N, C-alpha and C. Protein backbone atom coordinates (compact mmCIF):
# COMPACT_ATOMS: atom_id res chain seq x y z
N MET A 1 11.63 -115.61 42.71
CA MET A 1 10.30 -115.44 42.87
C MET A 1 9.92 -116.43 41.73
N LYS A 2 8.61 -116.95 41.62
CA LYS A 2 8.52 -117.73 40.72
C LYS A 2 7.68 -116.97 39.21
N LYS A 3 7.89 -117.26 38.35
CA LYS A 3 7.44 -116.60 36.82
C LYS A 3 6.61 -117.59 36.03
N ILE A 4 5.47 -116.64 36.07
CA ILE A 4 4.34 -117.81 35.00
C ILE A 4 4.02 -116.95 33.82
N LEU A 5 4.14 -117.68 32.78
CA LEU A 5 3.96 -117.25 31.67
C LEU A 5 2.69 -117.90 30.64
N PHE A 6 2.06 -116.68 30.34
CA PHE A 6 0.29 -117.12 29.85
C PHE A 6 0.85 -116.85 28.00
N VAL A 7 0.90 -117.64 27.30
CA VAL A 7 0.53 -117.98 26.12
C VAL A 7 -0.67 -117.58 25.34
N CYS A 8 -1.05 -116.58 24.42
CA CYS A 8 -1.93 -116.74 23.67
C CYS A 8 -1.19 -116.30 22.00
N VAL A 9 -2.34 -117.15 20.68
CA VAL A 9 -1.78 -116.74 19.61
C VAL A 9 -1.42 -115.20 19.54
N HIS A 10 -2.26 -114.51 19.58
CA HIS A 10 -2.17 -112.87 19.15
C HIS A 10 -1.59 -112.09 20.62
N ASN A 11 -1.81 -112.48 21.94
CA ASN A 11 -1.22 -112.40 23.00
C ASN A 11 -2.08 -110.80 22.64
N ALA A 12 -3.42 -110.97 22.50
CA ALA A 12 -4.30 -109.46 22.00
C ALA A 12 -5.52 -109.59 23.64
N GLY A 13 -6.02 -111.22 24.23
CA GLY A 13 -7.22 -111.00 24.42
C GLY A 13 -6.79 -111.91 26.39
N ARG A 14 -6.75 -113.16 25.98
CA ARG A 14 -6.50 -114.50 27.09
C ARG A 14 -5.17 -114.26 27.88
N SER A 15 -4.74 -114.39 27.15
CA SER A 15 -3.21 -113.63 28.03
C SER A 15 -2.98 -112.46 28.51
N GLN A 16 -3.71 -111.33 28.07
CA GLN A 16 -3.84 -110.27 28.65
C GLN A 16 -4.13 -110.05 29.71
N MET A 17 -5.68 -110.73 29.84
CA MET A 17 -6.29 -110.61 31.25
C MET A 17 -5.46 -111.91 32.00
N ALA A 18 -5.36 -113.01 31.97
CA ALA A 18 -4.51 -113.89 32.73
C ALA A 18 -3.30 -113.32 33.06
N GLU A 19 -2.61 -112.29 32.89
CA GLU A 19 -1.28 -111.84 33.06
C GLU A 19 -1.60 -110.94 34.18
N ALA A 20 -2.61 -109.90 33.79
CA ALA A 20 -3.05 -109.01 34.96
C ALA A 20 -3.99 -109.44 36.09
N PHE A 21 -4.58 -110.55 36.04
CA PHE A 21 -5.52 -111.04 37.18
C PHE A 21 -4.13 -111.58 37.65
N PHE A 22 -3.19 -112.37 37.30
CA PHE A 22 -1.94 -113.05 38.37
C PHE A 22 -1.24 -112.02 38.99
N ASN A 23 -0.88 -111.12 38.38
CA ASN A 23 -0.35 -109.98 39.17
C ASN A 23 -0.83 -109.18 40.37
N ARG A 24 -1.94 -108.85 40.12
CA ARG A 24 -3.16 -108.64 41.18
C ARG A 24 -3.21 -109.19 42.24
N MET A 25 -3.09 -110.83 41.98
CA MET A 25 -3.85 -111.73 43.25
C MET A 25 -2.39 -111.90 43.73
N ALA A 26 -1.38 -112.03 42.91
CA ALA A 26 0.05 -112.84 43.71
C ALA A 26 0.31 -111.67 44.51
N LYS A 27 0.07 -110.55 44.33
CA LYS A 27 0.68 -109.13 45.23
C LYS A 27 2.07 -109.55 45.21
N GLY A 28 3.13 -109.53 44.22
CA GLY A 28 4.10 -109.75 44.57
C GLY A 28 4.83 -110.78 44.83
N ARG A 29 4.29 -111.69 45.10
CA ARG A 29 5.26 -113.31 45.74
C ARG A 29 5.43 -113.47 43.92
N ALA A 30 5.00 -113.23 43.28
CA ALA A 30 5.31 -114.01 41.90
C ALA A 30 4.48 -113.44 40.99
N GLN A 31 5.19 -113.61 39.53
CA GLN A 31 5.43 -112.39 38.72
C GLN A 31 4.54 -113.54 37.39
N GLY A 32 3.58 -112.89 37.15
CA GLY A 32 3.04 -113.26 35.52
C GLY A 32 3.03 -112.13 34.37
N PHE A 33 3.47 -112.66 33.56
CA PHE A 33 3.77 -112.26 32.03
C PHE A 33 3.66 -112.82 30.91
N SER A 34 2.86 -112.29 30.04
CA SER A 34 2.42 -113.06 28.73
C SER A 34 3.09 -112.58 27.14
N ALA A 35 2.68 -113.52 26.70
CA ALA A 35 3.38 -113.56 25.08
C ALA A 35 2.52 -114.05 23.49
N GLY A 36 2.53 -113.66 22.71
CA GLY A 36 1.87 -114.62 21.51
C GLY A 36 2.87 -115.05 20.47
N ALA A 37 2.44 -115.87 19.57
CA ALA A 37 3.65 -116.77 18.50
C ALA A 37 3.44 -115.67 17.37
N GLN A 38 2.01 -114.84 17.28
CA GLN A 38 1.81 -114.06 16.02
C GLN A 38 0.90 -113.16 16.51
N VAL A 39 1.93 -112.00 17.49
CA VAL A 39 0.77 -110.86 17.67
C VAL A 39 0.13 -110.28 17.16
N ALA A 40 -0.16 -109.69 17.48
CA ALA A 40 -1.79 -108.61 17.32
C ALA A 40 -1.37 -107.06 17.39
N ASP A 41 -1.58 -105.97 16.68
CA ASP A 41 -1.05 -104.96 16.73
C ASP A 41 -1.18 -104.60 18.36
N LYS A 42 -2.57 -104.83 18.47
CA LYS A 42 -3.11 -103.81 20.05
C LYS A 42 -4.08 -104.85 20.72
N VAL A 43 -3.97 -104.59 21.89
CA VAL A 43 -4.54 -105.37 22.78
C VAL A 43 -6.48 -105.07 22.22
N ASN A 44 -7.21 -106.67 22.25
CA ASN A 44 -8.50 -106.50 21.61
C ASN A 44 -9.18 -105.33 22.90
N PRO A 45 -9.90 -104.07 21.99
CA PRO A 45 -10.33 -103.62 22.64
C PRO A 45 -11.42 -103.72 23.83
N MET A 46 -12.32 -104.70 23.61
CA MET A 46 -13.30 -105.58 24.21
C MET A 46 -12.90 -105.91 25.70
N VAL A 47 -11.51 -106.41 25.35
CA VAL A 47 -10.95 -107.02 26.44
C VAL A 47 -10.56 -105.81 27.60
N VAL A 48 -10.25 -104.60 26.86
CA VAL A 48 -9.65 -103.61 27.41
C VAL A 48 -10.88 -103.16 28.49
N GLU A 49 -11.90 -103.25 27.85
CA GLU A 49 -13.25 -102.75 28.34
C GLU A 49 -13.66 -103.81 29.24
N ALA A 50 -14.02 -105.16 29.37
CA ALA A 50 -13.99 -105.97 30.14
C ALA A 50 -13.02 -105.92 31.50
N MET A 51 -12.06 -105.42 31.17
CA MET A 51 -11.10 -106.01 32.20
C MET A 51 -11.35 -103.98 32.92
N ARG A 52 -11.31 -103.40 32.16
CA ARG A 52 -11.69 -101.92 32.86
C ARG A 52 -13.15 -102.19 34.00
N GLU A 53 -14.33 -103.15 33.63
CA GLU A 53 -14.87 -103.50 34.42
C GLU A 53 -14.57 -103.93 35.74
N VAL A 54 -13.57 -104.50 35.84
CA VAL A 54 -13.47 -105.13 37.18
C VAL A 54 -12.55 -104.47 37.71
N GLY A 55 -12.11 -102.85 37.58
CA GLY A 55 -10.75 -101.78 37.81
C GLY A 55 -9.61 -102.75 37.55
N ILE A 56 -9.81 -103.23 36.31
CA ILE A 56 -7.84 -103.39 35.80
C ILE A 56 -7.91 -102.40 34.48
N ASP A 57 -6.73 -102.13 34.71
CA ASP A 57 -6.61 -101.09 33.31
C ASP A 57 -5.52 -101.44 32.15
N ILE A 58 -5.58 -102.22 31.47
CA ILE A 58 -4.72 -103.01 30.58
C ILE A 58 -4.65 -102.25 29.13
N SER A 59 -5.38 -101.07 28.86
CA SER A 59 -5.07 -100.25 27.98
C SER A 59 -3.78 -100.02 27.22
N ARG A 60 -2.97 -99.48 28.06
CA ARG A 60 -1.60 -99.46 27.81
C ARG A 60 -0.83 -100.49 27.53
N ARG A 61 -0.84 -101.91 27.67
CA ARG A 61 -0.67 -103.21 27.16
C ARG A 61 -0.47 -103.21 25.66
N LYS A 62 0.91 -103.84 25.18
CA LYS A 62 1.23 -103.91 24.07
C LYS A 62 1.30 -105.38 23.69
N PRO A 63 0.89 -106.23 22.86
CA PRO A 63 1.07 -107.42 22.55
C PRO A 63 2.68 -107.72 22.45
N LYS A 64 3.46 -108.85 23.00
CA LYS A 64 4.52 -108.73 23.04
C LYS A 64 4.88 -110.29 22.18
N MET A 65 5.86 -110.92 21.52
CA MET A 65 6.07 -111.88 21.19
C MET A 65 6.83 -112.69 22.01
N LEU A 66 6.58 -114.10 21.51
CA LEU A 66 7.31 -115.01 22.36
C LEU A 66 8.35 -115.34 21.63
N THR A 67 9.01 -115.01 22.54
CA THR A 67 10.98 -115.76 22.92
C THR A 67 11.24 -116.93 23.60
N LEU A 68 12.36 -117.46 23.10
CA LEU A 68 12.88 -118.74 23.86
C LEU A 68 13.40 -118.04 25.45
N LYS A 69 13.76 -116.58 25.56
CA LYS A 69 14.24 -116.17 26.81
C LYS A 69 13.33 -116.51 27.91
N MET A 70 11.78 -116.04 27.05
CA MET A 70 10.91 -115.89 27.91
C MET A 70 10.08 -117.27 28.43
N LEU A 71 10.45 -118.40 27.98
CA LEU A 71 10.33 -119.71 27.82
C LEU A 71 11.46 -120.18 29.19
N GLU A 72 12.72 -119.68 29.00
CA GLU A 72 13.78 -120.51 29.55
C GLU A 72 13.56 -119.56 30.98
N ASP A 73 13.17 -118.36 30.94
CA ASP A 73 12.96 -117.56 32.32
C ASP A 73 11.86 -118.21 33.20
N ALA A 74 10.30 -118.76 32.46
CA ALA A 74 9.53 -119.15 32.88
C ALA A 74 9.48 -120.60 33.85
N ASP A 75 8.63 -119.91 35.05
CA ASP A 75 8.55 -121.66 36.10
C ASP A 75 7.52 -122.43 35.19
N ARG A 76 6.72 -121.66 35.10
CA ARG A 76 5.65 -122.92 34.63
C ARG A 76 4.87 -121.73 33.28
N VAL A 77 4.51 -121.91 32.30
CA VAL A 77 3.88 -122.01 30.98
C VAL A 77 2.41 -122.10 30.89
N ILE A 78 2.03 -121.88 30.96
CA ILE A 78 0.24 -121.62 30.43
C ILE A 78 -0.18 -121.27 29.28
N THR A 79 -0.79 -122.08 28.46
CA THR A 79 -1.14 -121.58 27.09
C THR A 79 -2.44 -121.45 27.00
N MET A 80 -3.39 -120.80 26.21
CA MET A 80 -4.76 -120.54 25.92
C MET A 80 -5.27 -121.02 24.94
N ASP A 81 -5.51 -122.12 24.90
CA ASP A 81 -5.99 -123.32 23.74
C ASP A 81 -5.12 -122.90 22.27
N CYS A 82 -3.71 -122.82 22.43
CA CYS A 82 -2.93 -122.98 21.74
C CYS A 82 -3.01 -123.84 20.27
N GLY A 83 -3.02 -124.99 21.11
CA GLY A 83 -3.02 -126.02 20.18
C GLY A 83 -3.92 -126.24 18.76
N ALA A 84 -5.04 -125.33 19.08
CA ALA A 84 -5.70 -125.19 17.94
C ALA A 84 -5.39 -124.57 16.33
N GLU A 85 -4.41 -123.69 17.18
CA GLU A 85 -4.31 -122.51 15.49
C GLU A 85 -3.00 -123.30 16.07
N GLY A 86 -2.57 -124.64 16.27
CA GLY A 86 -0.97 -125.25 15.74
C GLY A 86 -0.09 -124.15 16.54
N VAL A 87 -0.41 -123.56 17.68
CA VAL A 87 0.93 -122.68 18.30
C VAL A 87 0.88 -123.46 19.59
N SER A 88 1.62 -124.27 19.71
CA SER A 88 2.17 -124.65 21.38
C SER A 88 3.45 -124.47 21.42
N PRO A 89 3.66 -123.55 22.22
CA PRO A 89 5.57 -123.50 22.90
C PRO A 89 6.23 -125.08 23.36
N ALA A 90 7.52 -125.23 22.87
CA ALA A 90 8.05 -126.27 23.29
C ALA A 90 8.73 -125.94 24.29
N SER A 91 8.73 -126.22 25.75
CA SER A 91 9.56 -125.07 26.78
C SER A 91 9.95 -126.96 27.37
N PHE A 92 10.88 -126.51 28.50
CA PHE A 92 11.38 -127.59 29.38
C PHE A 92 10.74 -127.10 30.96
N VAL A 93 9.47 -126.43 30.97
CA VAL A 93 9.20 -126.33 31.78
C VAL A 93 7.58 -126.73 32.20
N PRO A 94 7.17 -126.95 33.56
CA PRO A 94 5.73 -127.53 33.12
C PRO A 94 4.94 -126.84 32.14
N THR A 95 4.26 -127.13 31.67
CA THR A 95 3.04 -126.37 30.98
C THR A 95 1.90 -127.18 30.62
N GLU A 96 0.95 -126.22 30.67
CA GLU A 96 -0.67 -126.85 30.90
C GLU A 96 -1.53 -125.94 29.59
N ASP A 97 -2.53 -126.33 29.01
CA ASP A 97 -3.13 -125.73 28.07
C ASP A 97 -4.60 -125.46 28.80
N TRP A 98 -4.89 -124.44 29.03
CA TRP A 98 -6.18 -124.11 29.67
C TRP A 98 -6.98 -123.60 28.38
N GLN A 99 -8.03 -124.61 27.85
CA GLN A 99 -8.96 -124.70 27.29
C GLN A 99 -9.83 -123.08 26.83
N LEU A 100 -10.23 -122.11 26.43
CA LEU A 100 -10.50 -120.73 26.51
C LEU A 100 -10.65 -120.01 25.34
N GLU A 101 -11.94 -120.04 24.99
CA GLU A 101 -12.77 -119.09 24.13
C GLU A 101 -11.92 -118.56 23.31
N ASP A 102 -11.44 -117.54 22.57
CA ASP A 102 -10.87 -116.68 22.05
C ASP A 102 -11.94 -115.54 21.81
N PRO A 103 -11.67 -114.46 22.54
CA PRO A 103 -12.17 -113.32 22.53
C PRO A 103 -12.90 -112.71 21.36
N GLU A 104 -11.64 -112.47 20.60
CA GLU A 104 -11.59 -112.12 19.15
C GLU A 104 -12.68 -112.12 18.78
N GLY A 105 -13.21 -110.74 17.96
CA GLY A 105 -14.91 -110.62 17.64
C GLY A 105 -15.95 -111.05 18.21
N LYS A 106 -16.01 -111.35 19.32
CA LYS A 106 -16.77 -111.67 20.10
C LYS A 106 -17.57 -110.21 20.93
N PRO A 107 -18.82 -110.34 20.82
CA PRO A 107 -19.66 -109.01 21.96
C PRO A 107 -19.06 -109.22 23.42
N ILE A 108 -19.47 -107.99 23.96
CA ILE A 108 -18.68 -107.50 25.57
C ILE A 108 -19.47 -108.82 25.78
N GLU A 109 -20.80 -109.07 25.99
CA GLU A 109 -21.28 -110.13 26.60
C GLU A 109 -20.60 -111.68 27.36
N GLN A 110 -19.69 -111.86 25.56
CA GLN A 110 -19.04 -113.06 25.76
C GLN A 110 -17.79 -112.43 26.24
N VAL A 111 -17.38 -111.59 25.74
CA VAL A 111 -16.18 -111.41 26.52
C VAL A 111 -16.27 -110.98 27.74
N ARG A 112 -16.94 -110.86 28.65
CA ARG A 112 -17.31 -111.02 30.15
C ARG A 112 -17.09 -112.45 30.78
N GLN A 113 -17.71 -113.05 29.74
CA GLN A 113 -17.74 -114.64 30.03
C GLN A 113 -16.17 -115.41 30.27
N ILE A 114 -15.44 -114.71 29.17
CA ILE A 114 -14.46 -114.99 29.11
C ILE A 114 -13.22 -114.77 30.07
N ARG A 115 -13.51 -113.52 30.36
CA ARG A 115 -12.63 -112.93 31.61
C ARG A 115 -13.11 -113.59 32.45
N ASP A 116 -14.13 -114.12 32.71
CA ASP A 116 -14.77 -114.04 34.33
C ASP A 116 -13.97 -115.86 34.74
N GLU A 117 -14.14 -116.66 33.66
CA GLU A 117 -13.05 -118.08 33.41
C GLU A 117 -12.02 -117.62 33.36
N VAL A 118 -11.30 -117.15 33.01
CA VAL A 118 -9.72 -116.17 32.88
C VAL A 118 -9.50 -116.07 34.43
N LYS A 119 -10.35 -115.11 35.13
CA LYS A 119 -10.14 -115.28 37.05
C LYS A 119 -10.60 -116.18 37.72
N ALA A 120 -11.33 -117.19 37.13
CA ALA A 120 -11.84 -118.02 37.86
C ALA A 120 -10.38 -119.16 37.98
N ARG A 121 -9.60 -119.44 36.92
CA ARG A 121 -8.49 -119.92 36.26
C ARG A 121 -7.31 -119.60 37.21
N VAL A 122 -7.74 -118.54 37.21
CA VAL A 122 -5.49 -117.63 37.47
C VAL A 122 -6.07 -117.88 39.16
N GLU A 123 -7.24 -117.82 39.62
CA GLU A 123 -7.42 -117.96 41.84
C GLU A 123 -7.00 -119.20 41.40
N GLY A 124 -7.63 -120.14 40.76
CA GLY A 124 -6.89 -121.62 41.29
C GLY A 124 -5.66 -122.08 40.83
N LEU A 125 -5.37 -121.09 40.02
CA LEU A 125 -3.63 -121.20 40.08
C LEU A 125 -2.87 -120.55 41.06
N ILE A 126 -3.37 -119.40 41.60
CA ILE A 126 -3.01 -118.84 42.84
C ILE A 126 -2.93 -119.65 44.05
N THR A 127 -4.39 -120.24 43.77
CA THR A 127 -4.64 -121.24 45.30
C THR A 127 -3.50 -122.35 45.66
N GLU A 128 -3.33 -123.06 43.94
CA GLU A 128 -2.40 -124.25 44.11
C GLU A 128 -1.08 -123.72 44.57
N LEU A 129 -0.47 -122.62 43.99
CA LEU A 129 0.86 -122.03 44.16
C LEU A 129 0.98 -121.77 45.50
N GLY A 130 -0.21 -120.82 46.28
CA GLY A 130 -0.32 -120.53 47.66
C GLY A 130 0.16 -121.63 48.53
N ASN A 131 -0.46 -122.92 48.50
CA ASN A 131 -0.52 -124.06 49.48
C ASN A 131 0.62 -124.90 48.97
N GLY A 132 1.33 -124.84 48.40
CA GLY A 132 2.56 -125.80 48.04
C GLY A 132 3.62 -124.67 48.32
N GLU A 133 5.18 -125.41 48.40
CA GLU A 133 6.40 -124.86 48.51
C GLU A 133 6.52 -123.80 46.83
N ASN A 134 5.75 -123.85 46.18
CA ASN A 134 6.07 -123.93 44.74
C ASN A 134 5.80 -122.01 44.60
N PHE A 135 5.04 -121.66 45.35
CA PHE A 135 4.62 -119.96 45.12
C PHE A 135 6.27 -119.28 44.94
N THR A 136 7.31 -119.26 45.90
CA THR A 136 8.21 -118.34 46.45
C THR A 136 9.52 -119.44 46.02
């Protein structure tokens, strides 16, 4: 089973949304997980609210520290504009960066827009994985 690692600086917003969307859409055919290099104390409450609005409850999730083991276990790493904060994981797996605005400090309307962009990118990733032999 392919494992996709979503990384953002605090693991409190974008990467949490991507993990949740990916696991829902992959339906057990692949696994998504997320982490951050400078983890926050909790998942951003506005992100929790925005995800709840689309039927996904991430209220019990905790930000996780990025580890070398996570990078080694991943088949692909997707960073969430980490380069802007100087946090870009060096790894030996295919890595790409999704330029996504950080939801931290944004009103719910902007968080919804970020959520929808994350969802669209995850849908594209699922389609890409499903069209090749890369999915399983």
